[in-house]
PDB file of N, CA and C in Angstrom:
ATOM      1  N   MET A   1     156.542  33.065 -29.566  1.00  0.00           N
ATOM      2  CA  MET A   1     157.522  31.772 -29.008  1.00  0.00           C
ATOM      3  C   MET A   1     156.677  30.438 -29.659  1.00  0.00           C
ATOM      4  N   ILE A   2     157.715  29.502 -29.309  1.00  0.00           N
ATOM      5  CA  ILE A   2     157.278  28.584 -30.210  1.00  0.00           C
ATOM      6  C   ILE A   2     156.516  27.345 -29.466  1.00  0.00           C
ATOM      7  N   ARG A   3     155.636  27.185 -30.426  1.00  0.00           N
ATOM      8  CA  ARG A   3     154.324  25.821 -29.240  1.00  0.00           C
ATOM      9  C   ARG A   3     155.665  24.350 -30.268  1.00  0.00           C
ATOM     10  N   VAL A   4     155.833  24.169 -28.666  1.00  0.00           N
ATOM     11  CA  VAL A   4     155.956  22.070 -28.717  1.00  0.00           C
ATOM     12  C   VAL A   4     154.216  21.526 -27.924  1.00  0.00           C
ATOM     13  N   ASP A   5     155.228  20.405 -29.277  1.00  0.00           N
ATOM     14  CA  ASP A   5     153.521  19.299 -27.892  1.00  0.00           C
ATOM     15  C   ASP A   5     154.320  18.350 -27.766  1.00  0.00           C
ATOM     16  N   ALA A   6     155.768  17.945 -28.527  1.00  0.00           N
ATOM     17  CA  ALA A   6     156.323  16.645 -27.956  1.00  0.00           C
ATOM     18  C   ALA A   6     157.433  16.580 -27.827  1.00  0.00           C
ATOM     19  N   LEU A   7     158.046  15.619 -27.140  1.00  0.00           N
ATOM     20  CA  LEU A   7     159.664  16.255 -27.257  1.00  0.00           C
ATOM     21  C   LEU A   7     160.603  14.896 -26.776  1.00  0.00           C
ATOM     22  N   TRP A   8     160.975  14.798 -28.228  1.00  0.00           N
ATOM     23  CA  TRP A   8     162.022  13.456 -27.989  1.00  0.00           C
ATOM     24  C   TRP A   8     163.064  13.507 -28.307  1.00  0.00           C
ATOM     25  N   LEU A   9     163.938  12.152 -27.061  1.00  0.00           N
ATOM     26  CA  LEU A   9     165.303  12.539 -26.960  1.00  0.00           C
ATOM     27  C   LEU A   9     165.928  11.249 -27.753  1.00  0.00           C
ATOM     28  N   ALA A  10     166.689  11.621 -28.379  1.00  0.00           N
ATOM     29  CA  ALA A  10     167.516  10.182 -29.261  1.00  0.00           C
ATOM     30  C   ALA A  10     168.674   9.898 -28.602  1.00  0.00           C
ATOM     31  N   ILE A  11     168.989   8.745 -28.045  1.00  0.00           N
ATOM     32  CA  ILE A  11     170.421   8.021 -27.232  1.00  0.00           C
ATOM     33  C   ILE A  11     171.765   8.279 -27.799  1.00  0.00           C
ATOM     34  N   GLU A  12     171.590   8.192 -29.267  1.00  0.00           N
ATOM     35  CA  GLU A  12     172.740   8.222 -29.853  1.00  0.00           C
ATOM     36  C   GLU A  12     173.438   9.530 -30.300  1.00  0.00           C
ATOM     37  N   PRO A  13     174.535  10.070 -29.287  1.00  0.00           N
ATOM     38  CA  PRO A  13     175.065  11.473 -29.833  1.00  0.00           C
ATOM     39  C   PRO A  13     175.455  11.548 -31.366  1.00  0.00           C
ATOM     40  N   LEU A  14     175.082  12.719 -31.352  1.00  0.00           N
ATOM     41  CA  LEU A  14     175.834  13.749 -33.204  1.00  0.00           C
ATOM     42  C   LEU A  14     177.168  14.738 -32.279  1.00  0.00           C
ATOM     43  N   ASP A  15     177.550  15.076 -33.675  1.00  0.00           N
ATOM     44  CA  ASP A  15     179.026  15.798 -34.032  1.00  0.00           C
ATOM     45  C   ASP A  15     178.420  16.743 -33.728  1.00  0.00           C
ATOM     46  N   MET A  16     178.253  17.667 -32.599  1.00  0.00           N
ATOM     47  CA  MET A  16     178.090  19.277 -32.852  1.00  0.00           C
ATOM     48  C   MET A  16     178.389  20.044 -33.219  1.00  0.00           C
ATOM     49  N   ARG A  17     179.296  19.408 -34.282  1.00  0.00           N
ATOM     50  CA  ARG A  17     179.226  20.587 -36.075  1.00  0.00           C
ATOM     51  C   ARG A  17     178.869  20.650 -36.827  1.00  0.00           C
ATOM     52  N   ALA A  18     177.344  19.761 -36.929  1.00  0.00           N
ATOM     53  CA  ALA A  18     176.892  19.637 -37.446  1.00  0.00           C
ATOM     54  C   ALA A  18     175.421  20.390 -37.419  1.00  0.00           C
ATOM     55  N   GLY A  19     174.875  21.262 -38.425  1.00  0.00           N
ATOM     56  CA  GLY A  19     174.358  22.410 -38.955  1.00  0.00           C
ATOM     57  C   GLY A  19     172.425  22.103 -38.845  1.00  0.00           C
ATOM     58  N   THR A  20     172.026  22.499 -39.671  1.00  0.00           N
ATOM     59  CA  THR A  20     170.342  22.624 -39.252  1.00  0.00           C
ATOM     60  C   THR A  20     170.405  20.835 -40.372  1.00  0.00           C
ATOM     61  N   GLU A  21     170.806  21.515 -41.663  1.00  0.00           N
ATOM     62  CA  GLU A  21     170.603  20.296 -42.782  1.00  0.00           C
ATOM     63  C   GLU A  21     170.973  19.205 -42.334  1.00  0.00           C
ATOM     64  N   ALA A  22     172.046  18.942 -41.254  1.00  0.00           N
ATOM     65  CA  ALA A  22     172.679  17.583 -40.865  1.00  0.00           C
ATOM     66  C   ALA A  22     171.922  17.069 -39.766  1.00  0.00           C
ATOM     67  N   ALA A  23     171.122  18.027 -39.141  1.00  0.00           N
ATOM     68  CA  ALA A  23     170.433  17.521 -37.499  1.00  0.00           C
ATOM     69  C   ALA A  23     169.351  17.737 -38.074  1.00  0.00           C
ATOM     70  N   LEU A  24     168.464  18.003 -39.209  1.00  0.00           N
ATOM     71  CA  LEU A  24     167.633  17.579 -39.423  1.00  0.00           C
ATOM     72  C   LEU A  24     167.406  16.141 -40.187  1.00  0.00           C
ATOM     73  N   ALA A  25     168.601  16.139 -40.927  1.00  0.00           N
ATOM     74  CA  ALA A  25     168.539  14.404 -41.389  1.00  0.00           C
ATOM     75  C   ALA A  25     168.868  13.265 -40.452  1.00  0.00           C
ATOM     76  N   ARG A  26     169.674  14.068 -39.051  1.00  0.00           N
ATOM     77  CA  ARG A  26     169.130  12.601 -38.674  1.00  0.00           C
ATOM     78  C   ARG A  26     168.064  12.481 -37.935  1.00  0.00           C
ATOM     79  N   VAL A  27     167.649  13.776 -37.946  1.00  0.00           N
ATOM     80  CA  VAL A  27     166.500  14.240 -37.658  1.00  0.00           C
ATOM     81  C   VAL A  27     165.429  12.821 -37.707  1.00  0.00           C
ATOM     82  N   VAL A  28     164.872  13.056 -38.574  1.00  0.00           N
ATOM     83  CA  VAL A  28     164.490  11.953 -40.086  1.00  0.00           C
ATOM     84  C   VAL A  28     164.225  10.626 -40.329  1.00  0.00           C
ATOM     85  N   ARG A  29     166.614  10.051 -39.926  1.00  0.00           N
ATOM     86  CA  ARG A  29     166.982   8.884 -39.595  1.00  0.00           C
ATOM     87  C   ARG A  29     166.756   7.769 -38.665  1.00  0.00           C
ATOM     88  N   VAL A  30     166.376   9.111 -37.838  1.00  0.00           N
ATOM     89  CA  VAL A  30     166.227   7.779 -36.349  1.00  0.00           C
ATOM     90  C   VAL A  30     164.554   8.221 -35.711  1.00  0.00           C
ATOM     91  N   PHE A  31     163.573   9.415 -36.099  1.00  0.00           N
ATOM     92  CA  PHE A  31     162.891   9.368 -35.716  1.00  0.00           C
ATOM     93  C   PHE A  31     161.626   8.784 -37.193  1.00  0.00           C
ATOM     94  N   GLY A  32     161.591   9.142 -37.956  1.00  0.00           N
ATOM     95  CA  GLY A  32     161.224   9.170 -39.123  1.00  0.00           C
ATOM     96  C   GLY A  32     160.945  10.186 -39.850  1.00  0.00           C
ATOM     97  N   ALA A  33     160.393  11.313 -39.404  1.00  0.00           N
ATOM     98  CA  ALA A  33     159.631  12.550 -39.920  1.00  0.00           C
ATOM     99  C   ALA A  33     160.466  13.782 -39.137  1.00  0.00           C
ATOM    100  N   ALA A  34     160.009  14.881 -39.604  1.00  0.00           N
ATOM    101  CA  ALA A  34     160.289  16.120 -38.491  1.00  0.00           C
ATOM    102  C   ALA A  34     159.174  16.509 -38.529  1.00  0.00           C
ATOM    103  N   ARG A  35     158.084  16.129 -37.325  1.00  0.00           N
ATOM    104  CA  ARG A  35     156.642  15.903 -37.275  1.00  0.00           C
ATOM    105  C   ARG A  35     156.846  17.469 -36.683  1.00  0.00           C
ATOM    106  N   PRO A  36     155.658  18.606 -37.383  1.00  0.00           N
ATOM    107  CA  PRO A  36     155.548  20.716 -36.554  1.00  0.00           C
ATOM    108  C   PRO A  36     154.891  19.608 -34.825  1.00  0.00           C
ATOM    109  N   HIS A  37     155.467  21.453 -34.457  1.00  0.00           N
ATOM    110  CA  HIS A  37     155.497  21.463 -33.260  1.00  0.00           C
ATOM    111  C   HIS A  37     156.652  20.243 -32.451  1.00  0.00           C
ATOM    112  N   HIS A  38     157.403  19.443 -33.309  1.00  0.00           N
ATOM    113  CA  HIS A  38     157.827  17.967 -31.850  1.00  0.00           C
ATOM    114  C   HIS A  38     159.537  18.924 -32.053  1.00  0.00           C
ATOM    115  N   ALA A  39     159.709  18.448 -30.680  1.00  0.00           N
ATOM    116  CA  ALA A  39     161.014  18.954 -30.710  1.00  0.00           C
ATOM    117  C   ALA A  39     162.415  17.844 -30.481  1.00  0.00           C
ATOM    118  N   TYR A  40     163.578  17.414 -31.130  1.00  0.00           N
ATOM    119  CA  TYR A  40     164.104  16.502 -30.554  1.00  0.00           C
ATOM    120  C   TYR A  40     165.377  16.659 -30.811  1.00  0.00           C
ATOM    121  N   LEU A  41     165.722  16.214 -29.065  1.00  0.00           N
ATOM    122  CA  LEU A  41     167.131  16.409 -28.906  1.00  0.00           C
ATOM    123  C   LEU A  41     167.874  15.764 -28.865  1.00  0.00           C
ATOM    124  N   PHE A  42     169.072  15.974 -29.150  1.00  0.00           N
ATOM    125  CA  PHE A  42     170.302  14.780 -29.469  1.00  0.00           C
ATOM    126  C   PHE A  42     171.862  16.111 -27.812  1.00  0.00           C
ATOM    127  N   ALA A  43     172.123  15.208 -27.048  1.00  0.00           N
ATOM    128  CA  ALA A  43     173.765  15.012 -27.314  1.00  0.00           C
ATOM    129  C   ALA A  43     175.179  15.247 -27.670  1.00  0.00           C
ATOM    130  N   ASN A  44     176.238  15.353 -27.008  1.00  0.00           N
ATOM    131  CA  ASN A  44     177.533  15.479 -27.958  1.00  0.00           C
ATOM    132  C   ASN A  44     177.264  13.941 -27.368  1.00  0.00           C
ATOM    133  N   ARG A  45     178.785  13.069 -27.495  1.00  0.00           N
ATOM    134  CA  ARG A  45     179.331  12.167 -26.798  1.00  0.00           C
ATOM    135  C   ARG A  45     179.382  12.427 -25.712  1.00  0.00           C
ATOM    136  N   ARG A  46     179.851  13.625 -25.051  1.00  0.00           N
ATOM    137  CA  ARG A  46     181.140  13.747 -22.943  1.00  0.00           C
ATOM    138  C   ARG A  46     179.249  13.955 -23.093  1.00  0.00           C
ATOM    139  N   ALA A  47     178.191  14.552 -23.898  1.00  0.00           N
ATOM    140  CA  ALA A  47     177.171  14.637 -22.847  1.00  0.00           C
ATOM    141  C   ALA A  47     177.171  15.992 -22.202  1.00  0.00           C
ATOM    142  N   ASN A  48     178.381  16.562 -22.320  1.00  0.00           N
ATOM    143  CA  ASN A  48     177.879  18.486 -21.986  1.00  0.00           C
ATOM    144  C   ASN A  48     177.216  19.416 -22.624  1.00  0.00           C
ATOM    145  N   ARG A  49     177.000  18.796 -24.175  1.00  0.00           N
ATOM    146  CA  ARG A  49     176.581  19.927 -24.919  1.00  0.00           C
ATOM    147  C   ARG A  49     174.642  19.302 -25.624  1.00  0.00           C
ATOM    148  N   MET A  50     174.203  20.182 -25.741  1.00  0.00           N
ATOM    149  CA  MET A  50     173.373  19.108 -26.069  1.00  0.00           C
ATOM    150  C   MET A  50     172.863  20.421 -27.106  1.00  0.00           C
ATOM    151  N   LYS A  51     171.568  19.643 -28.509  1.00  0.00           N
ATOM    152  CA  LYS A  51     171.165  20.291 -29.670  1.00  0.00           C
ATOM    153  C   LYS A  51     169.581  19.996 -29.773  1.00  0.00           C
ATOM    154  N   VAL A  52     168.943  20.673 -30.127  1.00  0.00           N
ATOM    155  CA  VAL A  52     168.113  20.756 -30.289  1.00  0.00           C
ATOM    156  C   VAL A  52     166.910  21.704 -31.748  1.00  0.00           C
ATOM    157  N   LEU A  53     166.687  20.078 -32.071  1.00  0.00           N
ATOM    158  CA  LEU A  53     165.520  20.573 -33.276  1.00  0.00           C
ATOM    159  C   LEU A  53     163.815  20.549 -33.127  1.00  0.00           C
ATOM    160  N   VAL A  54     163.443  22.137 -33.884  1.00  0.00           N
ATOM    161  CA  VAL A  54     162.011  22.075 -33.410  1.00  0.00           C
ATOM    162  C   VAL A  54     161.721  22.042 -34.625  1.00  0.00           C
ATOM    163  N   HIS A  55     160.420  21.900 -35.205  1.00  0.00           N
ATOM    164  CA  HIS A  55     160.072  21.630 -36.763  1.00  0.00           C
ATOM    165  C   HIS A  55     158.142  23.458 -35.882  1.00  0.00           C
ATOM    166  N   ASP A  56     158.350  24.001 -36.928  1.00  0.00           N
ATOM    167  CA  ASP A  56     157.657  25.564 -36.357  1.00  0.00           C
ATOM    168  C   ASP A  56     156.270  25.058 -37.091  1.00  0.00           C
ATOM    169  N   GLY A  57     156.391  23.845 -37.770  1.00  0.00           N
ATOM    170  CA  GLY A  57     154.904  24.010 -38.952  1.00  0.00           C
ATOM    171  C   GLY A  57     155.166  24.944 -40.416  1.00  0.00           C
ATOM    172  N   ILE A  58     156.530  25.955 -39.717  1.00  0.00           N
ATOM    173  CA  ILE A  58     156.743  26.566 -41.422  1.00  0.00           C
ATOM    174  C   ILE A  58     158.779  26.353 -41.134  1.00  0.00           C
ATOM    175  N   GLY A  59     159.113  25.544 -40.876  1.00  0.00           N
ATOM    176  CA  GLY A  59     160.527  25.859 -40.581  1.00  0.00           C
ATOM    177  C   GLY A  59     160.775  25.115 -39.302  1.00  0.00           C
ATOM    178  N   ILE A  60     162.391  25.421 -39.344  1.00  0.00           N
ATOM    179  CA  ILE A  60     163.130  24.358 -38.204  1.00  0.00           C
ATOM    180  C   ILE A  60     164.001  25.535 -37.679  1.00  0.00           C
ATOM    181  N   TRP A  61     163.981  24.892 -37.163  1.00  0.00           N
ATOM    182  CA  TRP A  61     164.527  25.517 -35.273  1.00  0.00           C
ATOM    183  C   TRP A  61     165.788  24.978 -34.750  1.00  0.00           C
ATOM    184  N   LEU A  62     167.130  24.861 -35.241  1.00  0.00           N
ATOM    185  CA  LEU A  62     167.942  24.546 -34.427  1.00  0.00           C
ATOM    186  C   LEU A  62     168.267  25.885 -33.021  1.00  0.00           C
ATOM    187  N   SER A  63     168.925  25.103 -31.838  1.00  0.00           N
ATOM    188  CA  SER A  63     169.040  25.512 -30.535  1.00  0.00           C
ATOM    189  C   SER A  63     170.784  24.689 -29.678  1.00  0.00           C
ATOM    190  N   ALA A  64     172.031  25.155 -29.529  1.00  0.00           N
ATOM    191  CA  ALA A  64     172.258  24.351 -28.483  1.00  0.00           C
ATOM    192  C   ALA A  64     171.828  24.984 -27.255  1.00  0.00           C
ATOM    193  N   ARG A  65     172.537  24.245 -26.129  1.00  0.00           N
ATOM    194  CA  ARG A  65     172.939  24.744 -25.280  1.00  0.00           C
ATOM    195  C   ARG A  65     174.208  23.800 -23.893  1.00  0.00           C
ATOM    196  N   ARG A  66     174.839  24.763 -23.403  1.00  0.00           N
ATOM    197  CA  ARG A  66     176.461  23.597 -22.920  1.00  0.00           C
ATOM    198  C   ARG A  66     176.283  24.200 -21.512  1.00  0.00           C
ATOM    199  N   LEU A  67     176.674  23.075 -21.239  1.00  0.00           N
ATOM    200  CA  LEU A  67     177.356  22.832 -19.536  1.00  0.00           C
ATOM    201  C   LEU A  67     178.735  23.600 -19.688  1.00  0.00           C
ATOM    202  N   HIS A  68     178.966  24.273 -18.209  1.00  0.00           N
ATOM    203  CA  HIS A  68     179.961  24.442 -18.773  1.00  0.00           C
ATOM    204  C   HIS A  68     180.765  23.262 -17.146  1.00  0.00           C
ATOM    205  N   GLN A  69     179.929  22.896 -16.373  1.00  0.00           N
ATOM    206  CA  GLN A  69     180.122  22.658 -15.700  1.00  0.00           C
ATOM    207  C   GLN A  69     178.947  20.690 -14.982  1.00  0.00           C
ATOM    208  N   GLY A  70     179.815  19.652 -15.197  1.00  0.00           N
ATOM    209  CA  GLY A  70     179.099  19.232 -15.471  1.00  0.00           C
ATOM    210  C   GLY A  70     178.475  18.239 -16.521  1.00  0.00           C
ATOM    211  N   LYS A  71     177.243  17.814 -16.522  1.00  0.00           N
ATOM    212  CA  LYS A  71     176.953  17.051 -17.749  1.00  0.00           C
ATOM    213  C   LYS A  71     175.511  16.859 -17.750  1.00  0.00           C
ATOM    214  N   PHE A  72     174.684  16.720 -19.601  1.00  0.00           N
ATOM    215  CA  PHE A  72     173.344  15.818 -19.347  1.00  0.00           C
ATOM    216  C   PHE A  72     173.592  14.517 -18.826  1.00  0.00           C
ATOM    217  N   ILE A  73     172.034  14.543 -18.295  1.00  0.00           N
ATOM    218  CA  ILE A  73     172.006  12.696 -17.684  1.00  0.00           C
ATOM    219  C   ILE A  73     171.245  12.528 -18.659  1.00  0.00           C
ATOM    220  N   TRP A  74     171.859  11.762 -19.811  1.00  0.00           N
ATOM    221  CA  TRP A  74     171.752  11.172 -20.719  1.00  0.00           C
ATOM    222  C   TRP A  74     171.295   9.511 -20.913  1.00  0.00           C
ATOM    223  N   PRO A  75     169.777   8.917 -21.447  1.00  0.00           N
ATOM    224  CA  PRO A  75     170.223   7.761 -21.312  1.00  0.00           C
ATOM    225  C   PRO A  75     171.915   6.427 -21.752  1.00  0.00           C
ATOM    226  N   LYS A  76     171.469   5.500 -22.148  1.00  0.00           N
ATOM    227  CA  LYS A  76     172.263   4.607 -22.570  1.00  0.00           C
ATOM    228  C   LYS A  76     171.229   3.981 -22.700  1.00  0.00           C
ATOM    229  N   ASP A  77     172.017   3.171 -23.752  1.00  0.00           N
ATOM    230  CA  ASP A  77     171.097   1.683 -23.703  1.00  0.00           C
ATOM    231  C   ASP A  77     169.656   1.616 -23.682  1.00  0.00           C
ATOM    232  N   SER A  78     168.881   2.353 -23.914  1.00  0.00           N
ATOM    233  CA  SER A  78     167.237   2.204 -23.800  1.00  0.00           C
ATOM    234  C   SER A  78     166.892   2.589 -25.165  1.00  0.00           C
ATOM    235  N   GLY A  79     166.939   1.464 -26.044  1.00  0.00           N
ATOM    236  CA  GLY A  79     166.519   2.200 -27.312  1.00  0.00           C
ATOM    237  C   GLY A  79     166.722   3.090 -27.957  1.00  0.00           C
ATOM    238  N   THR A  80     166.910   3.446 -29.353  1.00  0.00           N
ATOM    239  CA  THR A  80     167.478   4.329 -30.030  1.00  0.00           C
ATOM    240  C   THR A  80     166.107   5.931 -29.481  1.00  0.00           C
ATOM    241  N   THR A  81     164.827   6.124 -29.332  1.00  0.00           N
ATOM    242  CA  THR A  81     165.031   7.516 -28.508  1.00  0.00           C
ATOM    243  C   THR A  81     163.483   7.224 -27.167  1.00  0.00           C
ATOM    244  N   LEU A  82     163.250   8.251 -26.907  1.00  0.00           N
ATOM    245  CA  LEU A  82     162.828   8.090 -25.717  1.00  0.00           C
ATOM    246  C   LEU A  82     161.474  10.460 -26.345  1.00  0.00           C
ATOM    247  N   SER A  83     160.598   9.226 -25.223  1.00  0.00           N
ATOM    248  CA  SER A  83     159.630  10.664 -25.355  1.00  0.00           C
ATOM    249  C   SER A  83     159.888  11.025 -24.064  1.00  0.00           C
ATOM    250  N   LEU A  84     159.827  12.371 -23.674  1.00  0.00           N
ATOM    251  CA  LEU A  84     160.181  13.224 -23.086  1.00  0.00           C
ATOM    252  C   LEU A  84     158.584  14.221 -22.186  1.00  0.00           C
ATOM    253  N   THR A  85     158.705  14.517 -21.129  1.00  0.00           N
ATOM    254  CA  THR A  85     157.263  15.093 -20.556  1.00  0.00           C
ATOM    255  C   THR A  85     157.880  16.603 -20.482  1.00  0.00           C
ATOM    256  N   HIS A  86     157.299  17.807 -20.098  1.00  0.00           N
ATOM    257  CA  HIS A  86     157.991  18.984 -20.076  1.00  0.00           C
ATOM    258  C   HIS A  86     158.057  19.935 -18.862  1.00  0.00           C
ATOM    259  N   PRO A  87     157.916  18.926 -18.216  1.00  0.00           N
ATOM    260  CA  PRO A  87     158.450  18.591 -16.504  1.00  0.00           C
ATOM    261  C   PRO A  87     160.359  18.475 -16.587  1.00  0.00           C
ATOM    262  N   GLN A  88     159.894  17.065 -17.412  1.00  0.00           N
ATOM    263  CA  GLN A  88     160.650  16.303 -17.485  1.00  0.00           C
ATOM    264  C   GLN A  88     162.686  16.777 -18.569  1.00  0.00           C
ATOM    265  N   PHE A  89     161.536  17.911 -19.319  1.00  0.00           N
ATOM    266  CA  PHE A  89     162.642  18.674 -20.079  1.00  0.00           C
ATOM    267  C   PHE A  89     163.759  19.460 -19.790  1.00  0.00           C
ATOM    268  N   ASP A  90     162.294  20.371 -18.257  1.00  0.00           N
ATOM    269  CA  ASP A  90     163.308  21.453 -18.013  1.00  0.00           C
ATOM    270  C   ASP A  90     164.211  20.824 -16.899  1.00  0.00           C
ATOM    271  N   ALA A  91     164.313  19.829 -16.279  1.00  0.00           N
ATOM    272  CA  ALA A  91     165.351  18.926 -15.389  1.00  0.00           C
ATOM    273  C   ALA A  91     166.474  18.711 -16.273  1.00  0.00           C
ATOM    274  N   LEU A  92     165.865  18.347 -17.392  1.00  0.00           N
ATOM    275  CA  LEU A  92     166.903  17.767 -18.292  1.00  0.00           C
ATOM    276  C   LEU A  92     167.868  19.595 -18.702  1.00  0.00           C
ATOM    277  N   VAL A  93     167.722  19.949 -18.940  1.00  0.00           N
ATOM    278  CA  VAL A  93     168.735  21.516 -20.028  1.00  0.00           C
ATOM    279  C   VAL A  93     169.075  21.686 -18.667  1.00  0.00           C
ATOM    280  N   LEU A  94     169.165  21.430 -17.526  1.00  0.00           N
ATOM    281  CA  LEU A  94     169.200  22.270 -15.827  1.00  0.00           C
ATOM    282  C   LEU A  94     170.647  20.886 -15.863  1.00  0.00           C
ATOM    283  N   GLY A  95     170.973  20.553 -16.742  1.00  0.00           N
ATOM    284  CA  GLY A  95     171.712  19.066 -15.788  1.00  0.00           C
ATOM    285  C   GLY A  95     170.937  18.156 -14.886  1.00  0.00           C
ATOM    286  N   LEU A  96     169.876  18.133 -14.965  1.00  0.00           N
ATOM    287  CA  LEU A  96     169.104  18.143 -12.460  1.00  0.00           C
ATOM    288  C   LEU A  96     168.548  16.278 -13.623  1.00  0.00           C
ATOM    289  N   PRO A  97     168.311  14.417 -12.705  1.00  0.00           N
ATOM    290  CA  PRO A  97     168.083  14.151 -13.072  1.00  0.00           C
ATOM    291  C   PRO A  97     166.813  13.928 -12.738  1.00  0.00           C
ATOM    292  N   TRP A  98     166.238  13.843 -14.390  1.00  0.00           N
ATOM    293  CA  TRP A  98     164.893  13.902 -14.855  1.00  0.00           C
ATOM    294  C   TRP A  98     164.021  12.939 -14.469  1.00  0.00           C
ATOM    295  N   GLN A  99     165.372  11.794 -15.556  1.00  0.00           N
ATOM    296  CA  GLN A  99     164.070  10.489 -14.990  1.00  0.00           C
ATOM    297  C   GLN A  99     163.456  10.059 -13.666  1.00  0.00           C
ATOM    298  N   ARG A 100     163.674  10.644 -12.825  1.00  0.00           N
ATOM    299  CA  ARG A 100     163.282  10.512 -11.739  1.00  0.00           C
ATOM    300  C   ARG A 100     162.473  11.733 -11.266  1.00  0.00           C
ATOM    301  N   ILE A 101     161.710  12.979 -12.273  1.00  0.00           N
ATOM    302  CA  ILE A 101     160.730  13.640 -12.281  1.00  0.00           C
ATOM    303  C   ILE A 101     158.971  12.870 -11.461  1.00  0.00           C
ATOM    304  N   GLY A 102     158.489  12.967 -10.560  1.00  0.00           N
ATOM    305  CA  GLY A 102     157.513  12.716 -10.341  1.00  0.00           C
ATOM    306  C   GLY A 102     156.431  13.052 -10.943  1.00  0.00           C
ATOM    307  N   GLU A 103     155.669  12.479 -10.923  1.00  0.00           N
ATOM    308  CA  GLU A 103     153.759  12.990 -11.368  1.00  0.00           C
ATOM    309  C   GLU A 103     153.675  14.874 -11.014  1.00  0.00           C
ATOM    310  N   ALA A 104     153.906  14.907  -9.379  1.00  0.00           N
ATOM    311  CA  ALA A 104     153.630  16.220  -8.759  1.00  0.00           C
ATOM    312  C   ALA A 104     154.693  17.286  -9.902  1.00  0.00           C
ATOM    313  N   GLY A 105     155.730  16.526 -10.651  1.00  0.00           N
ATOM    314  CA  GLY A 105     156.462  17.705 -11.215  1.00  0.00           C
ATOM    315  C   GLY A 105     158.214  17.928 -10.064  1.00  0.00           C
ATOM    316  N   VAL A 106     158.303  16.716  -9.262  1.00  0.00           N
ATOM    317  CA  VAL A 106     159.327  17.653  -8.693  1.00  0.00           C
ATOM    318  C   VAL A 106     160.055  16.351  -8.383  1.00  0.00           C
ATOM    319  N   ILE A 107     161.517  16.193  -7.842  1.00  0.00           N
ATOM    320  CA  ILE A 107     162.529  14.989  -8.267  1.00  0.00           C
ATOM    321  C   ILE A 107     161.421  14.008  -6.915  1.00  0.00           C
ATOM    322  N   CYS A 108     161.881  12.743  -7.257  1.00  0.00           N
ATOM    323  CA  CYS A 108     161.566  12.145  -5.799  1.00  0.00           C
ATOM    324  C   CYS A 108     162.179  10.669  -5.566  1.00  0.00           C
ATOM    325  N   VAL A 109     163.391  10.570  -6.336  1.00  0.00           N
ATOM    326  CA  VAL A 109     164.570   9.480  -5.388  1.00  0.00           C
ATOM    327  C   VAL A 109     165.685  10.577  -6.222  1.00  0.00           C
ATOM    328  N   LEU A 110     166.835  10.142  -5.553  1.00  0.00           N
ATOM    329  CA  LEU A 110     167.486  10.582  -6.110  1.00  0.00           C
ATOM    330  C   LEU A 110     168.926   9.941  -5.997  1.00  0.00           C
TER     331      LEU A 110
END
């Protein structure tokens, strides 16, 4: 299992044709560095695909997720990056409104 201590979301879309090197270059440009045990999330322009780049302390892991219906709830114009909690990440990858996850891990407002 890959340990992830922090989750970071990039607001600007990423071309989903980007491979590991291009995604890593974007992480360094947007976040300043790829830190060990941090995950960096990117979506495409339509927000129906997501790529997650994780630095595990030794190497880089790149994974992708696609929604066949609907789209990921991706923020607009709230800066260039956001930090996510693990419950927010769990909701985001399912396409749920992750911004409304309360402290108890439940969706409090729809």
